[in-house]
């Protein structure tokens, strides 16, 4: 806004400057030609009435046989055109008109008058020669004022005053009027599922105040809907886990060990699926507060859980690395990546890669990898590269989606790359 105002003022001053320069040029042209046209007309009229003839060596208007203007002199065609027009208005028919500028010398400057601090600048002279067909040339000397830099400095000073008087108050007013909009933009950028901030005070112009009030109401409705969603998810989780627990108890009465084991595993899979769906739905409004933890110890604890189950997982020992995050959620993200590596890539190799501004947790495997055109698709919920419905070979397609959502909620990201030596590398990058 301020830039547009500044540009508009500059454009207005540029147009004003151009108009003033044009007026000055027209005034200088008129100052040089009108007296000349008048003198020529008066001299020719006196001569025609039998008065004193126009001489070659005296008087303001002189007659010469040849063109008195030197060929090397500076010519001014605009003077010629204007003088011809003015002579035509007075009924004088003339032939060629020539002009030649004679620059002033320093010793031609007028003497210093009393009270003056410096003498006036010397003035250039313009020799004007008008041809009378069959009667020679008439010559007149006219002053030709030099272009003064005072006009430029005056316009620059005027522009500066305009900027100070107009632009600074406008900037102050615009800044005050836009302050509520800046607060609204910052509140909109901060707004998230866990936002419980105080409503903004409606202030500023009427439209801006109404916009802030509408934003407060919108945020209230969104937070209320999210709260309702959490309550609904809690009720769904409770209603589903209760029959699953009852079913688990009844399964124990099945006599066939093979059938009982399969039923127990199916119920456990259903519980894990329910946990993943509820966790993904509730992400963004976690109940766990961020705490400062040793990331190396956290990753080592997750790896140790897999080792206790006999899974082929290796972890490169790393120095202590303090970082602030939600440990339970990050454990779940790392566990999901290691589970995928063990399931699809035979083994998992885990290592920490610290940097100045971030830290990476890499989980690499020796599996077949993922086609490059499907690397982004596997993060979509319920997306499986293995098309069978077997949980042992394909899962339900929530592991990577949940891991990515957890890491992005912490300000990081998860990337997948195919390793040149074979296998897939899943990398969690977190800000330090």
Protein backbone atom coordinates (compact mmCIF):
# COMPACT_ATOMS: atom_id res chain seq x y z
CA UNK A 1 0.00 0.00 0.00
CA UNK A 2 2.72 2.45 1.01
CA UNK A 3 4.76 1.50 -2.04
CA UNK A 4 1.80 2.21 -4.32
CA UNK A 5 1.28 5.62 -2.70
CA UNK A 6 4.97 6.42 -3.08
CA UNK A 7 4.91 5.39 -6.74
CA UNK A 8 1.77 7.46 -7.34
CA UNK A 9 3.40 10.54 -5.78
CA UNK A 10 6.53 9.97 -7.85
CA UNK A 11 4.46 9.63 -11.05
CA UNK A 12 2.51 12.80 -10.22
CA UNK A 13 5.72 14.72 -9.59
CA UNK A 14 7.26 13.36 -12.79
CA UNK A 15 4.24 14.57 -14.79
CA UNK A 16 4.39 17.93 -13.00
CA UNK A 17 8.11 18.18 -13.77
CA UNK A 18 7.51 17.42 -17.45
CA UNK A 19 4.73 20.04 -17.67
CA UNK A 20 6.90 22.68 -15.99
CA UNK A 21 9.81 21.92 -18.31
CA UNK A 22 7.49 22.22 -21.30
CA UNK A 23 6.14 25.56 -20.03
CA UNK A 24 9.68 26.81 -19.41
CA UNK A 25 10.72 25.80 -22.91
CA UNK A 26 7.68 27.54 -24.44
CA UNK A 27 8.35 30.66 -22.33
CA UNK A 28 12.00 30.78 -23.39
CA UNK A 29 10.97 30.32 -27.02
CA UNK A 30 8.40 33.11 -26.77
CA UNK A 31 10.89 35.32 -24.93
CA UNK A 32 13.31 34.94 -27.82
CA UNK A 33 10.92 35.21 -30.79
CA UNK A 34 8.15 37.68 -29.91
CA UNK A 35 10.40 40.73 -29.47
CA UNK A 36 12.24 39.78 -32.67
CA UNK A 37 9.03 39.55 -34.68
CA UNK A 38 7.86 42.87 -33.29
CA UNK A 39 11.14 44.61 -34.06
CA UNK A 40 11.26 43.27 -37.60
CA UNK A 41 7.67 44.34 -38.26
CA UNK A 42 8.28 47.84 -36.79
CA UNK A 43 11.52 48.34 -38.72
CA UNK A 44 10.03 47.26 -42.04
CA UNK A 45 6.95 49.43 -41.44
CA UNK A 46 9.08 52.54 -40.69
CA UNK A 47 11.18 51.90 -43.78
CA UNK A 48 8.07 51.51 -45.92
CA UNK A 49 6.67 54.85 -44.66
CA UNK A 50 9.81 56.64 -45.77
CA UNK A 51 11.46 56.69 -42.39
CA UNK A 52 15.02 55.84 -41.55
CA UNK A 53 16.24 52.97 -43.69
CA UNK A 54 17.55 49.81 -42.05
CA UNK A 55 21.34 50.12 -41.87
CA UNK A 56 24.02 47.45 -41.79
CA UNK A 57 26.08 48.90 -38.94
CA UNK A 58 23.63 50.32 -36.43
CA UNK A 59 20.28 49.65 -34.83
CA UNK A 60 18.74 46.56 -33.36
CA UNK A 61 17.65 45.35 -36.81
CA UNK A 62 20.40 45.38 -39.44
CA UNK A 63 20.43 44.59 -43.13
CA UNK A 64 23.20 42.56 -44.75
CA UNK A 65 23.71 41.26 -48.24
CA UNK A 66 24.70 37.75 -47.15
CA UNK A 67 23.59 35.39 -44.41
CA UNK A 68 25.40 36.58 -41.25
CA UNK A 69 24.92 33.32 -39.31
CA UNK A 70 28.11 31.19 -39.24
CA UNK A 71 27.61 27.70 -40.67
CA UNK A 72 29.26 26.12 -37.60
CA UNK A 73 26.95 27.85 -35.11
CA UNK A 74 24.40 25.92 -33.06
CA UNK A 75 21.04 26.10 -34.82
CA UNK A 76 17.58 26.02 -33.23
CA UNK A 77 14.85 24.81 -35.62
CA UNK A 78 12.14 25.40 -32.98
CA UNK A 79 12.98 29.12 -33.00
CA UNK A 80 12.74 29.18 -36.79
CA UNK A 81 9.29 27.55 -36.78
CA UNK A 82 7.91 29.80 -34.05
CA UNK A 83 9.32 33.00 -35.60
CA UNK A 84 7.93 32.12 -39.04
CA UNK A 85 4.50 31.59 -37.46
CA UNK A 86 4.58 34.95 -35.65
CA UNK A 87 5.79 36.83 -38.77
CA UNK A 88 2.98 35.24 -40.78
CA UNK A 89 0.47 36.46 -38.20
CA UNK A 90 1.76 40.01 -38.82
CA UNK A 91 1.46 39.61 -42.58
CA UNK A 92 5.19 39.44 -43.35
CA UNK A 93 6.29 37.10 -46.11
CA UNK A 94 9.93 36.06 -45.69
CA UNK A 95 12.28 33.54 -47.17
CA UNK A 96 14.73 31.46 -45.18
CA UNK A 97 15.29 31.96 -41.47
CA UNK A 98 18.60 31.03 -39.87
CA UNK A 99 19.65 30.98 -36.22
CA UNK A 100 23.04 30.74 -34.56
CA UNK A 101 23.80 30.55 -30.83
CA UNK A 102 26.71 32.49 -29.37
CA UNK A 103 27.66 31.14 -25.90
CA UNK A 104 28.28 33.79 -23.23
CA UNK A 105 31.74 34.30 -21.76
CA UNK A 106 32.49 34.84 -18.09
CA UNK A 107 33.66 38.39 -18.72
CA UNK A 108 30.29 39.15 -20.31
CA UNK A 109 28.53 38.81 -16.98
CA UNK A 110 26.77 41.95 -15.72
CA UNK A 111 28.48 43.89 -12.95
CA UNK A 112 27.68 43.14 -9.34
CA UNK A 113 24.99 45.49 -8.07
CA UNK A 114 24.73 46.88 -4.58
CA UNK A 115 23.24 44.34 -2.19
CA UNK A 116 23.94 41.38 -4.49
CA UNK A 117 26.18 38.61 -3.18
CA UNK A 118 27.11 37.33 -6.62
CA UNK A 119 26.68 38.73 -10.13
CA UNK A 120 23.97 37.40 -12.43
CA UNK A 121 24.96 34.61 -14.75
CA UNK A 122 26.02 35.63 -18.28
CA UNK A 123 23.32 35.15 -20.91
CA UNK A 124 23.81 33.42 -24.26
CA UNK A 125 22.80 35.36 -27.37
CA UNK A 126 20.95 34.06 -30.40
CA UNK A 127 21.64 35.61 -33.80
CA UNK A 128 18.50 35.44 -35.96
CA UNK A 129 18.70 36.15 -39.71
CA UNK A 130 15.57 36.55 -41.86
CA UNK A 131 15.87 36.57 -45.64
CA UNK A 132 13.94 39.17 -47.66
CA UNK A 133 13.77 37.80 -51.18
CA UNK A 134 15.67 40.22 -53.47
CA UNK A 135 16.64 42.61 -50.62
CA UNK A 136 19.20 40.66 -48.59
CA UNK A 137 18.99 39.57 -44.95
CA UNK A 138 17.67 41.18 -41.77
CA UNK A 139 19.49 40.18 -38.58
CA UNK A 140 18.50 40.59 -34.94
CA UNK A 141 20.34 39.57 -31.78
CA UNK A 142 18.10 38.15 -29.00
CA UNK A 143 18.96 36.87 -25.51
CA UNK A 144 18.78 33.08 -25.05
CA UNK A 145 18.51 32.23 -21.32
CA UNK A 146 20.38 29.14 -20.20
CA UNK A 147 18.56 26.26 -18.57
CA UNK A 148 18.90 26.72 -14.82
CA UNK A 149 19.53 23.90 -12.36
CA UNK A 150 17.55 25.84 -9.74
CA UNK A 151 14.33 24.53 -11.25
CA UNK A 152 15.48 20.92 -10.85
CA UNK A 153 16.52 21.45 -7.23
CA UNK A 154 13.24 23.25 -6.51
CA UNK A 155 11.26 20.33 -7.90
CA UNK A 156 13.35 17.82 -5.95
CA UNK A 157 12.79 19.83 -2.78
CA UNK A 158 9.05 19.98 -3.53
CA UNK A 159 9.00 16.20 -4.01
CA UNK A 160 10.80 15.67 -0.69
CA UNK A 161 8.34 17.93 1.11
CA UNK A 162 5.42 16.06 -0.44
CA UNK A 163 6.85 12.74 0.70
CA UNK A 164 7.33 14.03 4.23
CA UNK A 165 3.98 15.80 4.48
CA UNK A 166 1.85 13.20 2.66
CA UNK A 167 3.61 9.84 2.64
CA UNK A 168 4.74 9.64 6.27
CA UNK A 169 1.26 10.33 7.73
CA UNK A 170 -0.25 7.89 5.22
CA UNK A 171 2.28 5.25 6.24
CA UNK A 172 1.42 5.79 9.89
CA UNK A 173 -2.32 5.57 9.19
CA UNK A 174 -1.94 2.46 7.00
CA UNK A 175 0.20 0.77 9.63
CA UNK A 176 -2.38 1.45 12.34
CA UNK A 177 -5.23 0.29 10.11
CA UNK A 178 -3.38 -2.88 9.04
CA UNK A 179 -2.29 -3.92 12.56
CA UNK A 180 -5.55 -5.86 13.20
CA UNK A 181 -5.10 -7.64 9.85
CA UNK A 182 -1.55 -8.64 10.80
CA UNK A 183 -2.82 -10.04 14.10
CA UNK A 184 -5.55 -11.92 12.24
CA UNK A 185 -3.03 -13.40 9.80
CA UNK A 186 -0.75 -14.50 12.64
CA UNK A 187 -3.69 -16.07 14.49
CA UNK A 188 -4.74 -17.91 11.32
CA UNK A 189 -1.17 -19.20 10.84
CA UNK A 190 -1.00 -20.39 14.46
CA UNK A 191 -4.40 -22.03 14.38
CA UNK A 192 -4.30 -25.81 14.63
CA UNK A 193 -6.24 -28.69 16.12
CA UNK A 194 -4.66 -28.07 19.54
CA UNK A 195 -5.14 -24.30 19.49
CA UNK A 196 -6.86 -23.03 22.63
CA UNK A 197 -5.84 -19.39 22.30
CA UNK A 198 -7.95 -16.47 23.40
CA UNK A 199 -10.26 -14.89 20.79
CA UNK A 200 -8.91 -11.82 19.03
CA UNK A 201 -10.32 -8.46 20.03
CA UNK A 202 -12.38 -7.08 17.10
CA UNK A 203 -10.85 -3.70 16.27
CA UNK A 204 -9.93 -1.54 13.33
CA UNK A 205 -12.26 -0.45 10.52
CA UNK A 206 -15.77 -1.91 10.50
CA UNK A 207 -15.02 -4.49 7.79
CA UNK A 208 -11.82 -5.64 9.55
CA UNK A 209 -13.58 -5.85 12.94
CA UNK A 210 -16.38 -7.90 11.35
CA UNK A 211 -13.78 -10.19 9.74
CA UNK A 212 -12.03 -10.75 13.09
CA UNK A 213 -15.36 -11.54 14.76
CA UNK A 214 -16.18 -14.02 11.97
CA UNK A 215 -12.76 -15.67 12.42
CA UNK A 216 -13.32 -16.01 16.18
CA UNK A 217 -16.67 -17.66 15.56
CA UNK A 218 -15.19 -19.96 12.92
CA UNK A 219 -12.39 -21.01 15.26
CA UNK A 220 -14.88 -21.66 18.05
CA UNK A 221 -16.99 -23.89 15.79
CA UNK A 222 -13.96 -25.78 14.49
CA UNK A 223 -12.63 -26.41 18.02
CA UNK A 224 -16.11 -27.54 19.13
CA UNK A 225 -16.31 -29.98 16.21
CA UNK A 226 -12.86 -31.35 17.03
CA UNK A 227 -13.86 -31.80 20.66
CA UNK A 228 -16.98 -33.62 19.54
CA UNK A 229 -14.91 -35.80 17.25
CA UNK A 230 -12.58 -36.75 20.15
CA UNK A 231 -15.54 -37.65 22.32
CA UNK A 232 -17.02 -39.72 19.51
CA UNK A 233 -13.73 -41.53 18.90
CA UNK A 234 -13.39 -42.27 22.59
CA UNK A 235 -16.90 -43.73 22.64
CA UNK A 236 -16.21 -45.78 19.50
CA UNK A 237 -12.97 -47.11 20.96
CA UNK A 238 -14.70 -48.05 24.21
CA UNK A 239 -17.65 -49.67 22.43
CA UNK A 240 -15.36 -51.73 20.17
CA UNK A 241 -12.83 -52.77 22.79
CA UNK A 242 -15.47 -54.04 25.18
CA UNK A 243 -16.82 -56.78 22.84
CA UNK A 244 -13.26 -57.58 21.73
CA UNK A 245 -12.26 -58.13 25.37
CA UNK A 246 -15.33 -60.30 25.94
CA UNK A 247 -14.53 -62.25 22.78
CA UNK A 248 -10.95 -62.72 23.97
CA UNK A 249 -12.20 -64.26 27.20
CA UNK A 250 -14.58 -66.60 25.38
CA UNK A 251 -11.83 -67.68 22.97
CA UNK A 252 -9.95 -69.20 25.90
CA UNK A 253 -12.64 -71.86 26.14
CA UNK A 254 -11.89 -73.15 22.64
CA UNK A 255 -10.27 -76.59 23.02
CA UNK A 256 -8.37 -76.71 19.72
CA UNK A 257 -5.02 -74.99 20.32
CA UNK A 258 -4.54 -74.06 16.67
CA UNK A 259 -7.95 -72.45 16.34
CA UNK A 260 -7.57 -70.71 19.71
CA UNK A 261 -4.18 -69.27 18.72
CA UNK A 262 -5.52 -67.98 15.40
CA UNK A 263 -8.52 -66.39 17.09
CA UNK A 264 -6.31 -64.68 19.67
CA UNK A 265 -4.05 -63.33 16.93
CA UNK A 266 -7.06 -62.08 14.98
CA UNK A 267 -8.40 -60.26 18.04
CA UNK A 268 -4.94 -58.79 18.68
CA UNK A 269 -4.78 -57.58 15.05
CA UNK A 270 -8.20 -55.99 15.43
CA UNK A 271 -7.03 -54.19 18.57
CA UNK A 272 -3.89 -52.93 16.82
CA UNK A 273 -5.93 -51.77 13.82
CA UNK A 274 -8.32 -49.95 16.13
CA UNK A 275 -5.41 -48.31 17.94
CA UNK A 276 -3.86 -47.16 14.64
CA UNK A 277 -7.13 -45.71 13.34
CA UNK A 278 -7.87 -43.86 16.59
CA UNK A 279 -4.30 -42.57 16.86
CA UNK A 280 -4.35 -41.28 13.29
CA UNK A 281 -7.73 -39.62 13.82
CA UNK A 282 -6.68 -37.96 17.09
CA UNK A 283 -3.27 -36.77 15.89
CA UNK A 284 -2.88 -33.02 16.17
CA UNK A 285 -4.63 -32.96 19.56
CA UNK A 286 -2.36 -35.28 21.59
CA UNK A 287 -2.71 -35.52 25.34
CA UNK A 288 1.01 -36.22 25.77
CA UNK A 289 3.02 -33.01 26.41
CA UNK A 290 6.43 -32.48 24.75
CA UNK A 291 9.35 -33.39 27.01
CA UNK A 292 13.11 -33.33 26.64
CA UNK A 293 14.46 -36.85 26.03
CA UNK A 294 17.65 -38.56 24.95
CA UNK A 295 16.86 -39.54 21.35
CA UNK A 296 19.61 -42.15 21.18
CA UNK A 297 18.26 -43.89 24.31
CA UNK A 298 14.68 -43.72 22.97
CA UNK A 299 15.64 -45.36 19.65
CA UNK A 300 17.76 -47.95 21.46
CA UNK A 301 14.80 -48.87 23.69
CA UNK A 302 12.56 -49.42 20.65
CA UNK A 303 15.23 -51.56 18.99
CA UNK A 304 15.69 -53.56 22.19
CA UNK A 305 11.96 -54.41 22.21
CA UNK A 306 12.33 -55.98 18.75
CA UNK A 307 15.46 -57.83 19.80
CA UNK A 308 13.58 -59.33 22.75
CA UNK A 309 11.12 -60.76 20.23
CA UNK A 310 13.97 -62.22 18.18
CA UNK A 311 13.63 -59.77 15.25
CA UNK A 312 16.79 -59.08 13.18
CA UNK A 313 17.26 -55.41 14.11
CA UNK A 314 20.64 -53.69 14.48
CA UNK A 315 21.34 -50.26 15.93
CA UNK A 316 24.55 -48.28 15.54
CA UNK A 317 25.43 -46.84 18.92
CA UNK A 318 25.28 -43.05 19.05
CA UNK A 319 26.15 -40.29 21.50
CA UNK A 320 23.50 -38.79 23.72
CA UNK A 321 21.28 -36.37 21.85
CA UNK A 322 18.85 -34.21 23.82
CA UNK A 323 15.73 -33.19 21.91
CA UNK A 324 12.25 -31.99 22.86
CA UNK A 325 9.33 -34.08 21.55
CA UNK A 326 6.46 -36.38 22.49
CA UNK A 327 8.29 -39.65 23.23
CA UNK A 328 5.38 -42.09 23.12
CA UNK A 329 4.26 -40.90 19.68
CA UNK A 330 7.80 -40.92 18.27
CA UNK A 331 8.34 -44.46 19.59
CA UNK A 332 5.26 -45.52 17.67
CA UNK A 333 6.52 -43.88 14.46
CA UNK A 334 9.94 -45.57 14.76
CA UNK A 335 8.30 -48.89 15.63
CA UNK A 336 6.12 -48.74 12.51
CA UNK A 337 9.16 -48.15 10.28
CA UNK A 338 11.12 -51.00 11.88
CA UNK A 339 8.12 -53.34 11.57
CA UNK A 340 7.90 -52.61 7.85
CA UNK A 341 11.66 -53.15 7.44
CA UNK A 342 11.54 -56.50 9.24
CA UNK A 343 8.38 -57.63 7.44
CA UNK A 344 9.37 -56.67 3.89
CA UNK A 345 13.17 -56.32 4.01
CA UNK A 346 14.43 -59.30 6.05
CA UNK A 347 16.18 -57.07 8.62
CA UNK A 348 16.37 -53.49 9.89
CA UNK A 349 19.50 -51.37 10.30
CA UNK A 350 18.85 -48.31 12.47
CA UNK A 351 21.21 -45.37 12.94
CA UNK A 352 21.14 -41.73 14.06
CA UNK A 353 22.59 -39.02 11.80
CA UNK A 354 22.95 -35.74 13.77
CA UNK A 355 23.43 -32.39 12.00
CA UNK A 356 23.65 -28.76 13.09
CA UNK A 357 19.94 -27.93 12.72
CA UNK A 358 18.30 -31.35 12.51
CA UNK A 359 18.72 -35.02 13.30
CA UNK A 360 17.84 -37.99 11.10
CA UNK A 361 16.76 -41.49 12.15
CA UNK A 362 17.41 -43.89 9.28
CA UNK A 363 15.80 -47.34 9.11
CA UNK A 364 17.26 -49.36 6.22
CA UNK A 365 16.39 -52.86 5.03
CA UNK A 366 17.50 -55.40 2.39
CA UNK A 367 14.13 -55.88 0.73
CA UNK A 368 13.00 -55.31 -2.86
CA UNK A 369 12.37 -51.62 -2.30
CA UNK A 370 9.43 -49.66 -3.74
CA UNK A 371 8.88 -48.62 -7.38
CA UNK A 372 9.91 -44.95 -7.69
CA UNK A 373 6.45 -43.94 -8.94
CA UNK A 374 4.84 -45.42 -5.79
CA UNK A 375 7.12 -43.87 -3.13
CA UNK A 376 4.61 -41.09 -2.39
CA UNK A 377 1.52 -43.32 -2.62
CA UNK A 378 2.47 -45.58 0.30
CA UNK A 379 1.94 -42.70 2.74
CA UNK A 380 -1.78 -42.58 1.92
CA UNK A 381 -3.93 -44.32 4.57
CA UNK A 382 -5.03 -47.88 3.70
CA UNK A 383 -2.67 -48.00 0.69
CA UNK A 384 -0.90 -51.36 0.24
CA UNK A 385 1.57 -52.41 -2.43
CA UNK A 386 0.77 -56.02 -1.57
CA UNK A 387 -2.76 -56.51 -2.91
CA UNK A 388 -3.79 -59.55 -0.91
CA UNK A 389 -5.96 -59.19 2.19
CA UNK A 390 -3.49 -61.21 4.31
CA UNK A 391 -2.43 -59.24 7.39
CA UNK A 392 0.80 -61.24 7.60
CA UNK A 393 1.95 -60.10 4.15
CA UNK A 394 0.39 -56.70 3.68
CA UNK A 395 -1.04 -55.17 6.87
CA UNK A 396 -3.83 -52.63 6.52
CA UNK A 397 -1.78 -49.75 5.13
CA UNK A 398 -1.76 -47.41 8.16
CA UNK A 399 1.81 -47.80 9.44
CA UNK A 400 3.56 -45.31 7.17
CA UNK A 401 0.62 -42.88 7.19
CA UNK A 402 0.63 -42.82 10.99
CA UNK A 403 4.42 -42.46 11.16
CA UNK A 404 4.38 -39.55 8.72
CA UNK A 405 1.54 -37.80 10.59
CA UNK A 406 3.37 -38.17 13.94
CA UNK A 407 6.66 -36.82 12.57
CA UNK A 408 5.03 -33.91 10.73
CA UNK A 409 3.17 -32.98 13.90
CA UNK A 410 6.63 -32.71 15.52
CA UNK A 411 7.83 -30.37 12.76
CA UNK A 412 9.76 -32.98 10.77
CA UNK A 413 9.12 -35.30 7.85
CA UNK A 414 9.52 -38.91 6.69
CA UNK A 415 11.15 -39.76 3.35
CA UNK A 416 11.60 -43.05 1.52
CA UNK A 417 14.50 -43.76 -0.87
CA UNK A 418 15.63 -46.88 -2.65
CA UNK A 419 19.20 -47.77 -1.69
CA UNK A 420 21.75 -48.26 -4.53
CA UNK A 421 22.94 -51.52 -2.94
CA UNK A 422 19.35 -52.77 -2.68
CA UNK A 423 16.59 -52.29 -0.15
CA UNK A 424 14.71 -49.28 1.16
CA UNK A 425 15.78 -46.51 3.53
CA UNK A 426 13.07 -44.76 5.57
CA UNK A 427 14.39 -41.56 7.17
CA UNK A 428 12.77 -39.52 9.91
CA UNK A 429 14.10 -35.94 9.98
CA UNK A 430 13.44 -33.87 13.10
CA UNK A 431 14.42 -30.25 13.86
CA UNK A 432 16.80 -29.73 16.76
